[in-house]
Every structure is written in C-alpha cells, then in structure tokens.
Protein backbone atom coordinates (compact mmCIF):
# COMPACT_ATOMS: atom_id res chain seq x y z
CA UNK A 1 -32.40 -4.22 23.66
CA UNK A 2 -28.67 -4.60 24.42
CA UNK A 3 -26.06 -1.95 23.76
CA UNK A 4 -24.79 -4.05 20.87
CA UNK A 5 -28.26 -4.08 19.37
CA UNK A 6 -28.49 -0.34 19.75
CA UNK A 7 -25.20 -0.02 17.90
CA UNK A 8 -26.65 -1.95 14.98
CA UNK A 9 -29.76 0.22 15.02
CA UNK A 10 -27.81 3.46 15.21
CA UNK A 11 -25.50 2.48 12.39
CA UNK A 12 -28.40 2.16 9.99
CA UNK A 13 -29.85 5.57 10.76
CA UNK A 14 -26.82 7.73 11.51
CA UNK A 15 -23.43 8.27 9.98
CA UNK A 16 -21.09 9.91 12.44
CA UNK A 17 -18.04 9.33 14.52
CA UNK A 18 -19.23 12.10 16.80
CA UNK A 19 -22.58 13.47 17.80
CA UNK A 20 -22.25 16.40 15.42
CA UNK A 21 -21.11 14.67 12.24
CA UNK A 22 -22.77 11.71 10.48
CA UNK A 23 -21.22 8.29 10.99
CA UNK A 24 -19.94 6.43 7.96
CA UNK A 25 -22.93 4.38 6.79
CA UNK A 26 -22.56 0.64 6.87
CA UNK A 27 -20.69 -0.24 3.70
CA UNK A 28 -22.48 -2.15 1.03
CA UNK A 29 -19.68 -4.60 0.52
CA UNK A 30 -22.14 -7.48 0.38
CA UNK A 31 -23.06 -7.08 -3.23
CA UNK A 32 -24.25 -3.47 -3.40
CA UNK A 33 -23.55 -1.62 -6.62
CA UNK A 34 -21.17 1.29 -6.84
CA UNK A 35 -23.04 4.58 -7.34
CA UNK A 36 -22.52 6.11 -10.77
CA UNK A 37 -20.04 8.94 -10.94
CA UNK A 38 -18.10 8.04 -7.80
CA UNK A 39 -14.59 9.41 -8.20
CA UNK A 40 -12.91 6.74 -6.10
CA UNK A 41 -14.97 3.60 -5.39
CA UNK A 42 -14.22 1.70 -2.20
CA UNK A 43 -12.08 -1.39 -2.72
CA UNK A 44 -15.00 -3.75 -2.16
CA UNK A 45 -16.84 -2.06 -5.04
CA UNK A 46 -13.94 -1.46 -7.41
CA UNK A 47 -12.83 -5.10 -7.22
CA UNK A 48 -16.18 -6.72 -6.53
CA UNK A 49 -15.85 -9.17 -9.42
CA UNK A 50 -12.48 -10.41 -8.17
CA UNK A 51 -13.78 -10.78 -4.63
CA UNK A 52 -16.78 -12.78 -5.83
CA UNK A 53 -14.59 -15.05 -7.96
CA UNK A 54 -12.23 -15.63 -5.06
CA UNK A 55 -15.09 -16.39 -2.67
CA UNK A 56 -16.47 -18.96 -5.12
CA UNK A 57 -13.09 -20.66 -5.62
CA UNK A 58 -11.90 -20.44 -2.02
CA UNK A 59 -12.58 -23.77 -0.29
CA UNK A 60 -10.13 -23.25 2.58
CA UNK A 61 -11.21 -22.73 6.21
CA UNK A 62 -12.34 -19.20 7.00
CA UNK A 63 -12.15 -17.52 10.41
CA UNK A 64 -15.46 -16.40 11.91
CA UNK A 65 -17.24 -13.80 9.76
CA UNK A 66 -14.42 -13.62 7.20
CA UNK A 67 -15.51 -13.38 3.55
CA UNK A 68 -12.39 -15.25 2.42
CA UNK A 69 -9.84 -17.58 3.95
CA UNK A 70 -6.42 -16.17 4.85
CA UNK A 71 -5.15 -17.73 1.61
CA UNK A 72 -7.89 -15.95 -0.32
CA UNK A 73 -7.10 -12.60 1.31
CA UNK A 74 -3.39 -12.94 0.51
CA UNK A 75 -4.21 -13.93 -3.07
CA UNK A 76 -6.48 -10.91 -3.42
CA UNK A 77 -3.66 -8.58 -2.33
CA UNK A 78 -0.77 -10.24 -4.16
CA UNK A 79 -2.58 -11.40 -7.30
CA UNK A 80 -2.82 -14.76 -9.02
CA UNK A 81 -4.86 -16.87 -11.41
CA UNK A 82 -7.80 -18.95 -10.16
CA UNK A 83 -8.58 -22.46 -11.45
CA UNK A 84 -11.37 -21.07 -13.67
CA UNK A 85 -8.91 -18.70 -15.34
CA UNK A 86 -9.96 -15.54 -13.46
CA UNK A 87 -6.98 -13.22 -13.08
CA UNK A 88 -6.67 -11.50 -9.70
CA UNK A 89 -4.72 -8.29 -10.15
CA UNK A 90 -2.00 -7.48 -7.59
CA UNK A 91 -3.03 -4.75 -5.16
CA UNK A 92 0.34 -4.70 -3.41
CA UNK A 93 3.75 -5.29 -4.94
CA UNK A 94 6.16 -6.29 -2.20
CA UNK A 95 7.42 -9.19 -0.08
CA UNK A 96 4.84 -11.95 0.11
CA UNK A 97 5.84 -12.81 3.66
CA UNK A 98 4.83 -9.37 4.92
CA UNK A 99 1.33 -9.84 3.53
CA UNK A 100 1.08 -13.33 5.02
CA UNK A 101 2.13 -12.02 8.42
CA UNK A 102 -0.41 -9.19 8.22
CA UNK A 103 -3.25 -11.54 7.24
CA UNK A 104 -2.30 -14.09 9.90
CA UNK A 105 -2.32 -11.35 12.53
CA UNK A 106 -5.89 -10.43 11.65
CA UNK A 107 -6.87 -14.07 12.16
CA UNK A 108 -5.73 -13.84 15.79
CA UNK A 109 -6.83 -11.57 18.63
CA UNK A 110 -3.95 -9.17 17.98
CA UNK A 111 -4.50 -5.89 16.17
CA UNK A 112 -2.35 -5.02 13.16
CA UNK A 113 -0.15 -1.92 12.87
CA UNK A 114 1.15 -1.08 9.39
CA UNK A 115 4.20 1.10 9.89
CA UNK A 116 6.30 2.89 7.30
CA UNK A 117 7.41 6.12 5.73
CA UNK A 118 4.88 8.10 3.67
CA UNK A 119 4.04 6.52 0.35
CA UNK A 120 4.61 2.87 1.25
CA UNK A 121 0.96 1.97 0.56
CA UNK A 122 -0.09 1.62 4.20
CA UNK A 123 -3.57 3.05 3.64
CA UNK A 124 -3.95 1.14 0.38
CA UNK A 125 -3.06 -2.18 2.05
CA UNK A 126 -5.28 -1.38 5.04
CA UNK A 127 -8.29 -0.71 2.83
CA UNK A 128 -7.84 -3.85 0.75
CA UNK A 129 -7.30 -6.04 3.79
CA UNK A 130 -10.56 -4.80 5.31
CA UNK A 131 -12.40 -5.25 2.01
CA UNK A 132 -11.18 -8.83 1.59
CA UNK A 133 -11.71 -9.87 5.22
CA UNK A 134 -15.02 -8.14 5.98
CA UNK A 135 -16.35 -6.88 2.67
CA UNK A 136 -16.40 -3.42 4.23
CA UNK A 137 -13.50 -0.96 4.23
CA UNK A 138 -15.48 2.07 5.42
CA UNK A 139 -15.41 1.58 9.20
CA UNK A 140 -12.68 4.19 9.33
CA UNK A 141 -11.31 6.65 11.87
CA UNK A 142 -9.11 9.22 10.15
CA UNK A 143 -6.41 10.37 12.52
CA UNK A 144 -5.63 14.08 12.78
CA UNK A 145 -4.43 16.42 15.49
CA UNK A 146 -8.08 17.23 16.17
CA UNK A 147 -9.49 13.69 16.31
CA UNK A 148 -11.66 13.50 19.47
CA UNK A 149 -12.09 10.53 21.75
CA UNK A 150 -15.68 10.15 20.48
CA UNK A 151 -14.27 9.13 17.09
CA UNK A 152 -12.74 6.05 18.73
CA UNK A 153 -15.36 5.30 21.40
CA UNK A 154 -18.84 6.79 20.88
CA UNK A 155 -20.70 10.09 20.88
CA UNK A 156 -24.18 11.29 21.62
CA UNK A 157 -27.15 12.62 19.68
CA UNK A 158 -27.45 15.84 21.66
CA UNK A 159 -31.10 16.39 20.79
CA UNK A 160 -31.95 12.99 22.24
CA UNK A 161 -29.56 13.50 25.13
CA UNK A 162 -31.12 16.82 26.16
CA UNK A 163 -34.65 15.54 25.72
CA UNK A 164 -34.38 12.16 27.39
CA UNK A 165 -30.95 11.91 29.02
CA UNK A 166 -28.41 9.16 28.32
CA UNK A 167 -30.10 6.29 26.54
CA UNK A 168 -29.44 3.69 23.89
CA UNK A 169 -31.34 5.80 21.37
CA UNK A 170 -29.04 8.76 22.03
CA UNK A 171 -25.85 6.73 21.61
CA UNK A 172 -23.92 7.39 18.37
CA UNK A 173 -21.43 4.56 17.80
CA UNK A 174 -17.97 5.13 16.41
CA UNK A 175 -16.74 2.98 13.52
CA UNK A 176 -14.70 0.99 16.06
CA UNK A 177 -17.75 0.32 18.24
CA UNK A 178 -19.74 -0.78 15.21
CA UNK A 179 -16.98 -3.15 14.11
CA UNK A 180 -16.91 -4.67 17.60
CA UNK A 181 -20.67 -5.25 17.59
CA UNK A 182 -20.75 -6.59 14.02
CA UNK A 183 -17.58 -8.71 14.13
CA UNK A 184 -15.87 -6.85 11.30
CA UNK A 185 -12.65 -4.95 10.68
CA UNK A 186 -12.15 -1.35 11.80
CA UNK A 187 -9.43 0.92 10.46
CA UNK A 188 -7.55 3.76 12.14
CA UNK A 189 -5.50 5.84 9.71
CA UNK A 190 -2.49 7.90 10.82
CA UNK A 191 -2.63 6.66 14.41
CA UNK A 192 0.40 8.75 15.37
CA UNK A 193 -1.40 11.93 14.29
CA UNK A 194 -4.02 11.37 17.00
CA UNK A 195 -3.38 13.00 20.40
CA UNK A 196 -1.88 10.59 22.92
CA UNK A 197 -4.86 10.66 25.30
CA UNK A 198 -7.19 9.74 22.44
CA UNK A 199 -4.84 6.97 21.28
CA UNK A 200 -5.06 5.43 24.73
CA UNK A 201 -8.82 4.97 24.33
CA UNK A 202 -7.86 1.96 22.20
CA UNK A 203 -6.02 0.16 25.00
CA UNK A 204 -9.09 -1.32 26.70
CA UNK A 205 -10.66 -2.15 23.34
CA UNK A 206 -7.61 -4.05 22.16
CA UNK A 207 -6.71 -5.77 25.42
CA UNK A 208 -10.13 -6.54 26.94
CA UNK A 209 -12.10 -6.58 23.66
CA UNK A 210 -14.76 -4.50 25.37
CA UNK A 211 -15.88 -0.88 25.29
CA UNK A 212 -17.50 0.34 28.50
CA UNK A 213 -20.43 2.76 28.31
CA UNK A 214 -20.43 4.07 31.90
CA UNK A 215 -23.27 6.53 31.23
CA UNK A 216 -25.55 3.52 30.71
CA UNK A 217 -23.80 1.17 33.11
CA UNK A 218 -23.22 -1.24 30.24
CA UNK A 219 -20.56 -2.26 27.74
CA UNK A 220 -20.13 -3.43 24.17
CA UNK A 221 -18.20 -6.68 23.87
CA UNK A 222 -16.46 -7.51 20.63
CA UNK A 223 -17.88 -10.51 18.81
CA UNK A 224 -15.76 -12.99 16.89
CA UNK A 225 -14.43 -11.55 13.65
CA UNK A 226 -13.61 -8.15 15.10
CA UNK A 227 -10.15 -6.77 14.62
CA UNK A 228 -8.46 -3.45 13.97
CA UNK A 229 -5.91 -2.26 11.41
CA UNK A 230 -3.97 0.90 12.18
CA UNK A 231 -1.45 2.75 10.05
CA UNK A 232 1.33 4.96 11.38
CA UNK A 233 4.08 7.11 9.97
CA UNK A 234 7.62 6.72 11.30
CA UNK A 235 9.16 9.58 9.32
CA UNK A 236 7.15 12.81 9.39
CA UNK A 237 7.57 15.36 12.15
CA UNK A 238 4.73 16.49 14.38
CA UNK A 239 3.56 12.99 15.24
CA UNK A 240 2.59 11.61 18.65
CA UNK A 241 4.62 8.59 19.61
CA UNK A 242 2.64 5.53 20.65
CA UNK A 243 2.84 4.60 24.30
CA UNK A 244 4.50 1.29 25.07
CA UNK A 245 1.19 0.05 26.50
CA UNK A 246 -0.59 0.70 23.22
CA UNK A 247 2.27 -0.50 21.04
CA UNK A 248 2.20 -3.86 22.82
CA UNK A 249 -1.40 -4.38 21.72
CA UNK A 250 -0.35 -4.50 18.07
CA UNK A 251 1.62 -6.81 15.87
CA UNK A 252 3.69 -4.45 13.74
CA UNK A 253 4.40 -4.97 10.05
CA UNK A 254 6.84 -2.50 8.51
CA UNK A 255 6.07 -1.80 4.86
CA UNK A 256 9.27 -0.97 2.98
CA UNK A 257 9.82 1.22 -0.03
CA UNK A 258 10.01 -0.78 -3.28
CA UNK A 259 13.20 -2.81 -3.29
CA UNK A 260 14.17 -2.27 -6.93
CA UNK A 261 13.61 0.38 -9.61
CA UNK A 262 11.71 -2.14 -11.74
CA UNK A 263 9.32 -2.90 -8.88
CA UNK A 264 8.68 0.80 -8.31
CA UNK A 265 8.14 1.44 -12.02
CA UNK A 266 5.62 -1.42 -12.06
CA UNK A 267 3.74 0.02 -9.06
CA UNK A 268 3.63 3.52 -10.52
CA UNK A 269 2.50 2.25 -13.93
CA UNK A 270 -0.33 0.17 -12.46
CA UNK A 271 -1.67 2.93 -10.23
CA UNK A 272 -1.39 5.62 -12.90
CA UNK A 273 -3.37 3.43 -15.28
CA UNK A 274 -6.09 2.85 -12.67
CA UNK A 275 -6.28 6.54 -11.76
CA UNK A 276 -6.35 7.56 -15.41
CA UNK A 277 -9.33 5.30 -16.05
CA UNK A 278 -11.20 6.64 -13.04
CA UNK A 279 -10.59 10.23 -14.19
CA UNK A 280 -11.49 9.45 -17.82
CA UNK A 281 -8.15 10.75 -19.02
CA UNK A 282 -7.71 10.20 -22.77
CA UNK A 283 -5.51 7.17 -23.44
CA UNK A 284 -1.87 8.00 -24.14
CA UNK A 285 0.90 5.94 -25.72
CA UNK A 286 3.19 3.99 -23.44
CA UNK A 287 4.86 6.37 -21.00
CA UNK A 288 7.21 3.87 -19.39
CA UNK A 289 10.32 5.87 -20.33
CA UNK A 290 9.15 8.96 -18.45
CA UNK A 291 7.84 6.89 -15.54
CA UNK A 292 11.26 5.28 -15.24
CA UNK A 293 12.88 8.73 -15.34
CA UNK A 294 10.66 9.99 -12.50
CA UNK A 295 11.35 6.86 -10.44
CA UNK A 296 15.11 7.13 -11.08
CA UNK A 297 15.23 10.76 -9.93
CA UNK A 298 13.19 10.06 -6.81
CA UNK A 299 15.25 7.01 -5.87
CA UNK A 300 18.58 8.75 -6.41
CA UNK A 301 17.64 11.80 -4.36
CA UNK A 302 16.03 9.59 -1.72
CA UNK A 303 19.12 7.36 -1.44
CA UNK A 304 21.65 10.19 -1.66
CA UNK A 305 23.56 8.54 -4.50
CA UNK A 306 23.30 8.00 -8.25
CA UNK A 307 22.13 4.63 -9.51
CA UNK A 308 25.65 3.60 -10.50
CA UNK A 309 26.94 4.55 -7.04
CA UNK A 310 29.64 6.83 -8.45
CA UNK A 311 28.31 10.13 -7.13
CA UNK A 312 27.05 11.11 -3.72
CA UNK A 313 24.04 13.44 -3.65
CA UNK A 314 22.35 15.68 -1.14
CA UNK A 315 18.83 14.57 -0.22
CA UNK A 316 15.94 17.03 -0.06
CA UNK A 317 13.67 17.45 2.96
CA UNK A 318 10.71 15.61 1.40
CA UNK A 319 10.20 11.86 1.30
CA UNK A 320 9.93 11.51 -2.51
CA UNK A 321 7.73 8.47 -2.05
CA UNK A 322 6.18 6.16 -4.59
CA UNK A 323 2.85 7.89 -3.96
CA UNK A 324 4.38 11.22 -4.96
CA UNK A 325 5.82 9.64 -8.12
CA UNK A 326 2.32 8.42 -8.99
CA UNK A 327 0.98 11.95 -8.50
CA UNK A 328 3.70 13.48 -10.70
CA UNK A 329 3.08 11.03 -13.53
CA UNK A 330 -0.72 11.39 -13.32
CA UNK A 331 -0.37 15.16 -13.55
CA UNK A 332 1.96 14.75 -16.50
CA UNK A 333 -0.52 12.50 -18.29
CA UNK A 334 -3.23 15.13 -17.83
CA UNK A 335 -0.94 17.78 -19.34
CA UNK A 336 -0.02 15.53 -22.26
CA UNK A 337 -3.62 14.59 -22.95
CA UNK A 338 -5.19 18.04 -22.69
CA UNK A 339 -2.41 20.45 -23.67
CA UNK A 340 0.08 18.33 -25.59
CA UNK A 341 0.10 15.78 -28.36
CA UNK A 342 -1.02 12.92 -26.13
CA UNK A 343 2.49 11.58 -25.62
CA UNK A 344 4.05 11.80 -22.14
CA UNK A 345 7.20 13.87 -22.59
CA UNK A 346 9.87 15.38 -20.31
CA UNK A 347 8.16 18.76 -20.24
CA UNK A 348 5.00 17.17 -18.86
CA UNK A 349 6.69 15.84 -15.73
CA UNK A 350 9.40 18.46 -15.13
CA UNK A 351 7.23 20.87 -13.11
CA UNK A 352 5.73 18.07 -11.05
CA UNK A 353 9.16 16.65 -10.17
CA UNK A 354 10.47 20.07 -9.17
CA UNK A 355 7.39 20.67 -7.03
CA UNK A 356 7.88 17.33 -5.27
CA UNK A 357 11.58 17.92 -4.63
CA UNK A 358 11.57 21.60 -3.68
CA UNK A 359 9.51 21.73 -0.49
CA UNK A 360 11.84 24.08 1.37
CA UNK A 361 12.61 26.97 -0.97
CA UNK A 362 15.98 27.63 0.65
CA UNK A 363 17.65 24.24 1.11
CA UNK A 364 15.76 22.05 -1.37
CA UNK A 365 16.27 24.46 -4.28
CA UNK A 366 20.03 24.17 -3.82
CA UNK A 367 19.76 20.36 -3.76
CA UNK A 368 17.69 20.39 -6.96
CA UNK A 369 19.98 22.79 -8.83
CA UNK A 370 23.05 20.73 -7.93
CA UNK A 371 21.34 17.56 -9.10
CA UNK A 372 20.35 19.19 -12.40
CA UNK A 373 23.83 20.46 -13.14
CA UNK A 374 25.91 17.52 -11.93
CA UNK A 375 23.70 14.56 -12.88
CA UNK A 376 20.87 15.42 -15.27
CA UNK A 377 22.93 17.69 -17.52
CA UNK A 378 25.61 15.05 -18.05
CA UNK A 379 23.35 12.02 -18.49
CA UNK A 380 22.95 10.62 -22.00
CA UNK A 381 19.45 10.99 -23.41
CA UNK A 382 18.32 13.43 -20.70
CA UNK A 383 19.00 16.70 -22.54
CA UNK A 384 15.31 17.33 -23.30
CA UNK A 385 14.47 16.81 -19.65
CA UNK A 386 17.31 19.11 -18.57
CA UNK A 387 16.03 21.89 -20.84
CA UNK A 388 12.47 21.41 -19.59
CA UNK A 389 13.63 21.66 -15.97
CA UNK A 390 15.67 24.77 -16.69
CA UNK A 391 12.65 26.35 -18.33
CA UNK A 392 10.46 25.56 -15.31
CA UNK A 393 13.12 26.82 -12.91
CA UNK A 394 13.42 30.12 -14.76
C-alpha cells in the first residue's frame, strides 16, 4: 500500500485535521442527499440540481477530474440560462473577468488566492468554486491563530502511534493531503490568520506538488486535478503577512466591494431570501426599501461621504461590509416576522445598524451621532428611521 492509498483509506474512517480531532469526512458531492434539518447545506448539496443540469449540458473540454468545464464553472458562479431552459442562479455578483481569471487559475498548476476586505464574498466564492470544480467543498482548513501545522500537512492517531510506531495506519491526513491524493480542490480560509511558520508548510506543496512524510521515508505526490484555493483579509488587524516566497505560489484575485448601490442591494436581497428560507422565517412583504436604506448608510459611512457627494463624513472603525448588511437585514426580518406585523420597518433594522456601526464605544458612537443629526435627520422620508435610531440610542 502506498502513502496515497493510505490517505484514501484514512479519509473514509477518520475525520480530523489533527490526531485529536476528526477529519472532515469525504464530501458526498457525487450525488449524496443533504441530511434533513441541516442548517446550512454545503454548496454541492444546496445547488445539486443546478450542478447536474450544467454537467449534462456542458460539452466543453474539462480538465482532469473536473466535474464541469471552466465555462461551466463560470456559468455556475455568474448565472445564466441553459439550452433546456434551466435557470442557473448567480452565486456571485461582480466583474465577470475576475471569475474567469479565478477559474482559469485553477485549471493551471498555480494556486488561487482570493484577497479582499471582510464581506467581499471570499469564502462564498471559494466554496462554490470547489463545489463546481470537484463536487466537494469540505476539504477545508480553517485558519486561526491556533491552527497547527498538522492541519495543513498530517497528524497521527496516537493510539496507533504508541502501539505500533509510525505507520500508514497511524497517519491522519489533512484536508490538503487528501485533496492531493484524490486530485480535488482544497480550501484554506483566512490564510493570514495562520501563524507564519504554519503558512510556510504550504510552500513545498504548492511548488513541488508533493508532501514529504519523513517519519515513513515516503511522500504524497499530488495527482492531476489537485489545486488549492486560499482566502485572505487585507484589512483587519492582527493578521500575519504572507511571506514573499508563499505569495509567489499564488495567483491573486482581489474581490472588490460591490461597485454600485443597486448591485449591493441585489446581493443583500438574494442572500437574505436564501437565509430566510433556510431558517424557515415567515414570508414578509417586499423589504427592498429598508434594504436600500441599510445599504445606503453602510456605503456612505464606508466611503466617508454622502451619496450626493455634498457632505463629508467620518468613517467608523468597522468595515460595514455587504456581509454585515445581510446580517442586519436578516435580523430585522426575524423581528418583523415574530414581533411585528410582518412588514420590514425602520424600527426592525435600527438596532442592527447601530450595532454594526458602533464597535468602539468611544469613537464610533460620536461618528454615529453626527451621522444621525447631520444626515439622517435632514433626509426626506427618513424621519421614522431617525426616531427609531434615537429610541435605540436612548
């Protein structure tokens, strides 16, 4: 049995990125049903019908072990209508060229780094790319300050290790090792949160496409189809900068914030609708007016100027991202559905907006109060929202 074979065997019986925690089981992207009651299905389950329809209609060349062609992957992310009338819903609203560059990168031997400020859908795009390319988005290393090297390379089953010493049976593969052996796509989230010495464990994997196992005197070589998608934050503090050696191993795609208010409103509306369905929130009448209000406030404070450009504003310490806007609106819908009349109103989003803006009680509160008094108070049609915010502030 080779090391690669042992990786396959271990992945079916264990579920851990280290020897003490179970490795993520091999995803059932190849037609397995989503378990009932799952709060957030993986992309390959949630959009299984679309992926099947795309696979059936996609007659373009596919790279080794890809479920779809690069065209099919881009169509899955950006949306479209297939010849048989099947509508593929957009998973990402943004420049088409960025998606094409990301997909093309995965078709080469270069890894992909999705870079951007918080809330630019890096994780969302990463998951859907892996689902469309490999049918499996679960080969994931979640980056934190405590992520160990075993999460990137491999760990050991200590019971086996103590009983029999280093052996193939004692080896516990990481998601990255499994992806190398299976020719699929691995994901590393929040790469810049991982300590620098652990980050560097990726250098040999990405440059040599091999993972040495010196304890066994062997190695795992990546098979065709393997690639890696990493996400990184270029805004938050407390991150570990990537070394130039590691950065060179990636093609970098910078995901921007939505270019226009209409695009951001569209993104928020789509995601809120999806989340509401998954949470079984009672249906509410169209809340576009309040969604647009939330997006307007976030964009103005983020940009440091009112929409008409007439007034300069102070910006708070937080990012006020699209993801936070989605959270505010979802919380407002829950309030409207369970404690209101079912209509999304200013009072349902006021507390959520204030909570998103005021992260630092000293400086951000001043920014928020100035915005309320100089912009919100004077804006036509915003009096109900102003009163709701004043009530929350009191």
